[in-house]
Amino acid sequence: MKAGVIGAGAWGTALAQLLASDGQPVALWALEPDVIEAINGRQENPLYLANIPLSASIRATGAMTDLATCDLLLVVSPAQHLRSVVAQAPAGVPLVLCSKGIEAGTSLLMSEVAQQAQPTSPIAVLSGPTFAHEVAKGLPTAITLACEDRALGQRLAARIARPSFRPYLSDDVIGAEIGGAVKNVLAIACGVAEGAGLGLNARAALISRGFAEMTRFGLARGARPETLGGLSGLGDLVLTCSSTNSRNFSLGKGLGEGASAAALLANRRTVAEGAFTAPVLRDAARAAGVEMPVVEAVCALLADVAPLGAVIDALLARPLRPE
């Protein structure tokens, strides 16, 4: 299967590097002309994935028509732009969605958005604990590849798998997507705890209680608990809640140190998806009657409607309840 990647940020470039590791040609669609020039001219992407020499098998392009000969497309555009980007993609080609989020205005998951934008294209979801620079370096990584069509999932897994990159197949697309979307918001909360100096006990509490929120919301949307407890849920949650390599954790750390969300987001070239997912997730949870107090707290900080101390006090003052 000839592969293409839509989106040349850090994660898209890392995936292109992964797919090109066997010497096969990979088409990489990029928005920025300077990124295209750097990849094609110098085999590097210093803007998004610095200090990683890229395979000469990767060919960057700004024309979506150049992906027409691909048999497989990995879509790595920001979640809130996925609809418009997928609508431009070649029709009928299997799409592996690698973006994590929930669409604002519709509360649709990325697979639901893609199905509306490209109804003839088979859909799969790739999600799990993956820092782009580690995947690009070939460090050991395991992920969930979710696809309702098992035969297609097996073909995709065989094309994507590498000795250091191990996909685990699932048919629970909803569960894989909810894990990836919710963990971004929870990573912001853990970053806040780090920035505010609340300690490791607080971080562990946020991870475990946040996972409980993820599970409640996931089950309400039809996810399976074993998916949420796997790589695309708990695994991804642990990774992004533990390192400043996570853009969402880093954003939260800045909030915990007293910076405003507006200032932190204005100074970013890369996207912290959790900032955009948080209010959408909060509203979807409310509509489903699902309690998500950690998510509510993150939304309050992002919207600057309450000071950090008040938000922390409100979480700690919640009524005692059985676990």
Protein backbone atom coordinates (compact mmCIF):
# COMPACT_ATOMS: atom_id res chain seq x y z
CA MET A 1 0.00 0.00 0.00
CA LYS A 2 1.47 3.36 -1.03
CA ALA A 3 1.11 5.65 1.96
CA GLY A 4 0.53 9.36 2.34
CA VAL A 5 0.36 11.61 5.37
CA ILE A 6 -1.84 14.70 5.58
CA GLY A 7 -0.28 17.21 7.97
CA ALA A 8 3.42 17.95 8.45
CA GLY A 9 3.50 18.99 12.09
CA ALA A 10 5.60 17.03 14.55
CA TRP A 11 3.33 13.98 14.64
CA GLY A 12 2.64 13.91 10.92
CA THR A 13 6.33 14.20 10.11
CA ALA A 14 7.18 11.46 12.62
CA LEU A 15 4.60 9.15 11.04
CA ALA A 16 5.97 9.87 7.58
CA GLN A 17 9.44 8.99 8.89
CA LEU A 18 8.05 5.77 10.34
CA LEU A 19 6.37 4.76 7.08
CA ALA A 20 9.48 5.61 5.05
CA SER A 21 11.76 3.50 7.25
CA ASP A 22 11.48 0.56 4.83
CA GLY A 23 12.52 2.72 1.89
CA GLN A 24 9.06 2.98 0.37
CA PRO A 25 8.02 6.42 -0.95
CA VAL A 26 5.78 8.48 1.32
CA ALA A 27 3.89 11.59 0.24
CA LEU A 28 3.58 14.22 2.98
CA TRP A 29 1.08 17.05 2.52
CA ALA A 30 2.12 20.27 4.24
CA LEU A 31 0.48 23.68 4.48
CA GLU A 32 3.59 25.84 4.89
CA PRO A 33 5.88 26.38 1.86
CA ASP A 34 8.95 26.68 4.10
CA VAL A 35 8.22 23.26 5.61
CA ILE A 36 7.90 21.74 2.13
CA GLU A 37 11.19 23.32 1.06
CA ALA A 38 13.03 22.11 4.17
CA ILE A 39 11.80 18.54 3.84
CA ASN A 40 12.47 18.23 0.11
CA GLY A 41 15.66 20.27 0.05
CA ARG A 42 17.38 19.32 3.29
CA GLN A 43 15.48 16.26 4.62
CA GLU A 44 14.52 18.05 7.81
CA ASN A 45 11.57 19.82 9.43
CA PRO A 46 13.21 22.27 11.84
CA LEU A 47 9.93 24.09 12.48
CA TYR A 48 8.09 21.13 13.98
CA LEU A 49 10.53 18.21 14.42
CA ALA A 50 13.98 19.67 14.88
CA ASN A 51 17.19 17.63 14.93
CA ILE A 52 15.66 14.59 13.21
CA PRO A 53 17.24 13.74 9.82
CA LEU A 54 14.37 12.66 7.57
CA SER A 55 14.32 9.85 5.04
CA ALA A 56 14.93 10.76 1.42
CA SER A 57 11.87 8.62 0.63
CA ILE A 58 9.60 11.36 2.03
CA ARG A 59 8.36 13.83 -0.56
CA ALA A 60 6.50 16.87 0.75
CA THR A 61 3.85 18.61 -1.30
CA GLY A 62 1.32 21.38 -0.97
CA ALA A 63 -1.04 19.84 -3.54
CA MET A 64 -3.64 17.39 -2.24
CA THR A 65 -3.90 15.97 -5.78
CA ASP A 66 -0.42 14.52 -5.34
CA LEU A 67 -1.94 12.05 -2.86
CA ALA A 68 -4.34 10.63 -5.45
CA THR A 69 -2.11 7.59 -6.10
CA CYS A 70 -1.92 6.64 -2.40
CA ASP A 71 -3.68 3.52 -1.14
CA LEU A 72 -3.58 4.72 2.49
CA LEU A 73 -3.73 8.18 4.05
CA LEU A 74 -2.83 9.06 7.63
CA VAL A 75 -4.65 12.26 8.62
CA VAL A 76 -2.82 14.37 11.20
CA SER A 77 -4.45 17.79 10.83
CA PRO A 78 -5.61 19.72 13.93
CA ALA A 79 -8.93 18.34 15.12
CA GLN A 80 -10.90 21.53 14.50
CA HIS A 81 -9.68 21.63 10.88
CA LEU A 82 -10.11 17.95 10.13
CA ARG A 83 -13.47 18.34 8.35
CA SER A 84 -12.19 20.84 5.79
CA VAL A 85 -8.93 18.96 5.24
CA VAL A 86 -10.55 15.54 4.79
CA ALA A 87 -13.07 17.02 2.35
CA GLN A 88 -10.11 17.82 0.05
CA ALA A 89 -8.58 14.33 0.28
CA PRO A 90 -8.94 11.78 -2.53
CA ALA A 91 -12.26 9.95 -2.19
CA GLY A 92 -12.48 6.26 -1.40
CA VAL A 93 -8.96 5.94 0.06
CA PRO A 94 -8.73 4.41 3.58
CA LEU A 95 -8.20 7.18 6.13
CA VAL A 96 -6.31 6.51 9.36
CA LEU A 97 -7.21 9.36 11.69
CA CYS A 98 -4.37 10.40 13.98
CA SER A 99 -5.89 13.64 15.32
CA LYS A 100 -7.33 13.66 18.84
CA GLY A 101 -10.30 15.83 19.71
CA ILE A 102 -14.02 16.53 19.49
CA GLU A 103 -15.39 18.92 16.89
CA ALA A 104 -16.69 22.22 18.24
CA GLY A 105 -20.30 22.97 17.39
CA THR A 106 -21.24 19.34 16.67
CA SER A 107 -19.61 17.33 19.51
CA LEU A 108 -18.71 14.75 16.85
CA LEU A 109 -15.68 12.50 17.17
CA MET A 110 -13.09 12.64 14.41
CA SER A 111 -14.33 9.41 12.79
CA GLU A 112 -17.85 10.84 12.62
CA VAL A 113 -16.54 14.06 11.10
CA ALA A 114 -14.49 12.15 8.51
CA GLN A 115 -17.44 9.95 7.57
CA GLN A 116 -19.49 13.05 6.83
CA ALA A 117 -16.69 14.74 4.89
CA GLN A 118 -15.66 11.63 2.89
CA PRO A 119 -18.54 9.12 3.03
CA THR A 120 -16.90 6.66 0.59
CA SER A 121 -13.61 6.39 2.50
CA PRO A 122 -13.08 3.56 5.02
CA ILE A 123 -12.09 4.92 8.43
CA ALA A 124 -9.62 3.74 11.06
CA VAL A 125 -8.18 5.47 14.12
CA LEU A 126 -4.60 5.40 15.37
CA SER A 127 -4.21 6.47 18.99
CA GLY A 128 -2.02 5.80 21.98
CA PRO A 129 0.99 6.98 24.01
CA THR A 130 3.19 8.53 21.32
CA PHE A 131 5.62 11.41 21.60
CA ALA A 132 6.52 12.33 18.03
CA HIS A 133 10.27 12.68 18.51
CA GLU A 134 10.53 9.21 20.07
CA VAL A 135 8.63 7.57 17.21
CA ALA A 136 10.78 9.44 14.69
CA LYS A 137 13.92 8.13 16.42
CA GLY A 138 12.62 4.56 16.28
CA LEU A 139 12.21 4.13 20.03
CA PRO A 140 9.82 1.35 21.15
CA THR A 141 6.15 2.38 20.92
CA ALA A 142 2.81 0.56 21.12
CA ILE A 143 -0.47 2.02 19.91
CA THR A 144 -4.11 1.14 19.31
CA LEU A 145 -5.30 0.82 15.71
CA ALA A 146 -9.09 0.80 15.78
CA CYS A 147 -11.12 -0.20 12.73
CA GLU A 148 -14.60 -1.70 12.52
CA ASP A 149 -13.60 -3.66 9.40
CA ARG A 150 -11.29 -6.31 10.81
CA ALA A 151 -9.81 -7.35 7.44
CA LEU A 152 -8.96 -3.73 6.61
CA GLY A 153 -7.55 -3.24 10.09
CA GLN A 154 -5.22 -6.19 9.63
CA ARG A 155 -3.96 -4.84 6.30
CA LEU A 156 -3.39 -1.40 7.79
CA ALA A 157 -1.61 -2.85 10.82
CA ALA A 158 0.71 -4.85 8.57
CA ARG A 159 1.59 -1.69 6.60
CA ILE A 160 2.15 0.51 9.65
CA ALA A 161 3.90 -1.95 11.98
CA ARG A 162 7.67 -1.78 12.43
CA PRO A 163 10.01 -3.65 14.78
CA SER A 164 9.82 -0.73 17.22
CA PHE A 165 6.24 0.34 16.45
CA ARG A 166 3.59 -2.17 17.51
CA PRO A 167 -0.12 -1.65 16.67
CA TYR A 168 -2.76 -3.51 18.68
CA LEU A 169 -5.99 -4.01 16.74
CA SER A 170 -9.40 -3.06 18.09
CA ASP A 171 -12.84 -2.59 16.58
CA ASP A 172 -13.83 -0.04 19.24
CA VAL A 173 -13.33 3.16 17.25
CA ILE A 174 -15.37 5.25 19.68
CA GLY A 175 -13.36 4.10 22.69
CA ALA A 176 -10.02 4.79 21.01
CA GLU A 177 -11.13 8.30 20.07
CA ILE A 178 -12.60 9.23 23.43
CA GLY A 179 -9.44 8.15 25.23
CA GLY A 180 -7.32 10.37 22.99
CA ALA A 181 -9.62 13.38 23.26
CA VAL A 182 -10.22 13.31 27.02
CA LYS A 183 -6.61 12.65 28.01
CA ASN A 184 -5.56 15.95 26.40
CA VAL A 185 -7.82 17.88 28.78
CA LEU A 186 -6.67 15.88 31.79
CA ALA A 187 -3.04 16.52 30.84
CA ILE A 188 -3.72 20.24 31.19
CA ALA A 189 -4.99 19.61 34.73
CA CYS A 190 -1.84 17.66 35.62
CA GLY A 191 0.29 20.42 34.17
CA VAL A 192 -1.53 22.92 36.37
CA ALA A 193 -0.70 20.78 39.41
CA GLU A 194 2.97 20.79 38.38
CA GLY A 195 3.10 24.52 37.75
CA ALA A 196 1.33 25.33 40.99
CA GLY A 197 3.64 23.08 43.01
CA LEU A 198 0.83 20.85 44.28
CA GLY A 199 3.03 17.76 44.40
CA LEU A 200 3.03 14.24 43.00
CA ASN A 201 0.18 13.08 45.24
CA ALA A 202 -2.07 15.62 43.54
CA ARG A 203 -0.94 14.52 40.10
CA ALA A 204 -1.64 10.87 40.89
CA ALA A 205 -5.09 11.83 42.17
CA LEU A 206 -5.83 13.82 39.02
CA ILE A 207 -4.73 10.94 36.78
CA SER A 208 -6.86 8.38 38.61
CA ARG A 209 -9.93 10.57 39.11
CA GLY A 210 -9.53 11.88 35.58
CA PHE A 211 -9.51 8.32 34.31
CA ALA A 212 -12.77 7.76 36.16
CA GLU A 213 -14.22 10.76 34.30
CA MET A 214 -12.91 9.42 30.99
CA THR A 215 -14.53 6.06 31.72
CA ARG A 216 -17.90 7.55 32.66
CA PHE A 217 -18.02 9.68 29.53
CA GLY A 218 -16.73 6.89 27.31
CA LEU A 219 -19.32 4.40 28.51
CA ALA A 220 -22.06 6.98 27.97
CA ARG A 221 -20.90 7.33 24.35
CA GLY A 222 -20.74 3.58 23.74
CA ALA A 223 -17.05 2.87 24.35
CA ARG A 224 -15.87 -0.38 25.90
CA PRO A 225 -14.09 -0.27 29.28
CA GLU A 226 -11.19 -2.45 28.09
CA THR A 227 -10.42 0.09 25.36
CA LEU A 228 -10.40 2.96 27.83
CA GLY A 229 -8.12 0.93 30.08
CA GLY A 230 -5.75 0.19 27.20
CA LEU A 231 -3.12 2.06 25.21
CA SER A 232 -5.44 4.66 23.69
CA GLY A 233 -6.98 5.52 27.07
CA LEU A 234 -5.01 4.89 30.23
CA GLY A 235 -1.71 4.45 28.40
CA ASP A 236 -1.96 7.79 26.61
CA LEU A 237 -3.23 9.45 29.79
CA VAL A 238 -0.20 8.36 31.82
CA LEU A 239 2.24 9.59 29.16
CA THR A 240 0.75 13.03 28.57
CA CYS A 241 0.15 13.69 32.25
CA SER A 242 3.80 13.12 33.12
CA SER A 243 6.02 15.20 30.86
CA THR A 244 6.50 18.72 29.55
CA ASN A 245 7.06 17.08 26.15
CA SER A 246 3.25 17.05 26.11
CA ARG A 247 1.94 20.32 24.69
CA ASN A 248 -1.15 20.02 26.86
CA PHE A 249 0.84 19.37 30.04
CA SER A 250 3.10 22.30 29.17
CA LEU A 251 0.07 24.56 28.69
CA GLY A 252 -1.29 23.53 32.07
CA LYS A 253 2.07 24.10 33.71
CA GLY A 254 2.01 27.67 32.45
CA LEU A 255 -1.49 28.14 33.85
CA GLY A 256 -0.35 26.75 37.19
CA GLU A 257 2.53 29.22 37.23
CA GLY A 258 0.09 32.08 36.85
CA ALA A 259 0.13 32.89 33.12
CA SER A 260 -3.15 33.52 31.33
CA ALA A 261 -4.51 31.03 28.83
CA ALA A 262 -4.80 33.74 26.19
CA ALA A 263 -1.12 34.64 26.50
CA LEU A 264 0.03 31.02 26.51
CA LEU A 265 -2.03 30.08 23.46
CA ALA A 266 -1.05 33.21 21.54
CA ASN A 267 2.63 32.32 21.83
CA ARG A 268 2.25 28.79 20.46
CA ARG A 269 2.88 27.69 16.90
CA THR A 270 1.87 24.12 17.70
CA VAL A 271 -1.63 23.16 18.81
CA ALA A 272 -2.52 22.10 22.36
CA GLU A 273 -5.66 20.20 21.38
CA GLY A 274 -6.94 19.98 24.95
CA ALA A 275 -7.59 23.73 25.05
CA PHE A 276 -10.07 23.41 22.20
CA THR A 277 -11.51 20.07 23.30
CA ALA A 278 -12.17 21.09 26.92
CA PRO A 279 -15.29 23.27 26.45
CA VAL A 280 -16.71 20.90 23.83
CA LEU A 281 -16.17 17.93 26.15
CA ARG A 282 -17.70 19.79 29.09
CA ASP A 283 -20.84 20.61 27.11
CA ALA A 284 -21.14 17.08 25.72
CA ALA A 285 -20.75 15.62 29.23
CA ARG A 286 -23.40 17.94 30.63
CA ALA A 287 -25.78 16.98 27.83
CA ALA A 288 -25.17 13.29 28.60
CA GLY A 289 -25.62 13.81 32.35
CA VAL A 290 -22.00 12.79 33.06
CA GLU A 291 -20.10 14.44 35.91
CA MET A 292 -16.59 15.59 34.92
CA PRO A 293 -15.37 17.96 37.66
CA VAL A 294 -11.72 17.92 36.56
CA VAL A 295 -12.76 18.88 33.04
CA GLU A 296 -15.00 21.62 34.45
CA ALA A 297 -12.05 22.96 36.44
CA VAL A 298 -9.81 23.05 33.37
CA CYS A 299 -12.50 24.94 31.46
CA ALA A 300 -12.74 27.52 34.24
CA LEU A 301 -8.99 28.13 34.10
CA LEU A 302 -8.90 28.31 30.30
CA ALA A 303 -11.76 30.80 30.26
CA ASP A 304 -10.22 32.75 33.15
CA VAL A 305 -13.54 32.84 35.01
CA ALA A 306 -12.02 31.93 38.38
CA PRO A 307 -8.56 32.27 39.97
CA LEU A 308 -6.42 29.17 40.31
CA GLY A 309 -6.77 28.99 44.09
CA ALA A 310 -10.55 29.10 43.92
CA VAL A 311 -10.65 26.36 41.28
CA ILE A 312 -8.41 24.10 43.38
CA ASP A 313 -10.42 24.79 46.54
CA ALA A 314 -13.66 23.96 44.72
CA LEU A 315 -12.31 20.57 43.62
CA LEU A 316 -11.07 19.74 47.13
CA ALA A 317 -14.36 20.83 48.68
CA ARG A 318 -16.53 18.46 46.65
CA PRO A 319 -18.71 16.16 48.78
CA LEU A 320 -17.10 12.94 49.95
CA ARG A 321 -18.37 9.93 48.00
CA PRO A 322 -17.62 6.24 47.46
CA GLU A 323 -14.92 5.51 44.90
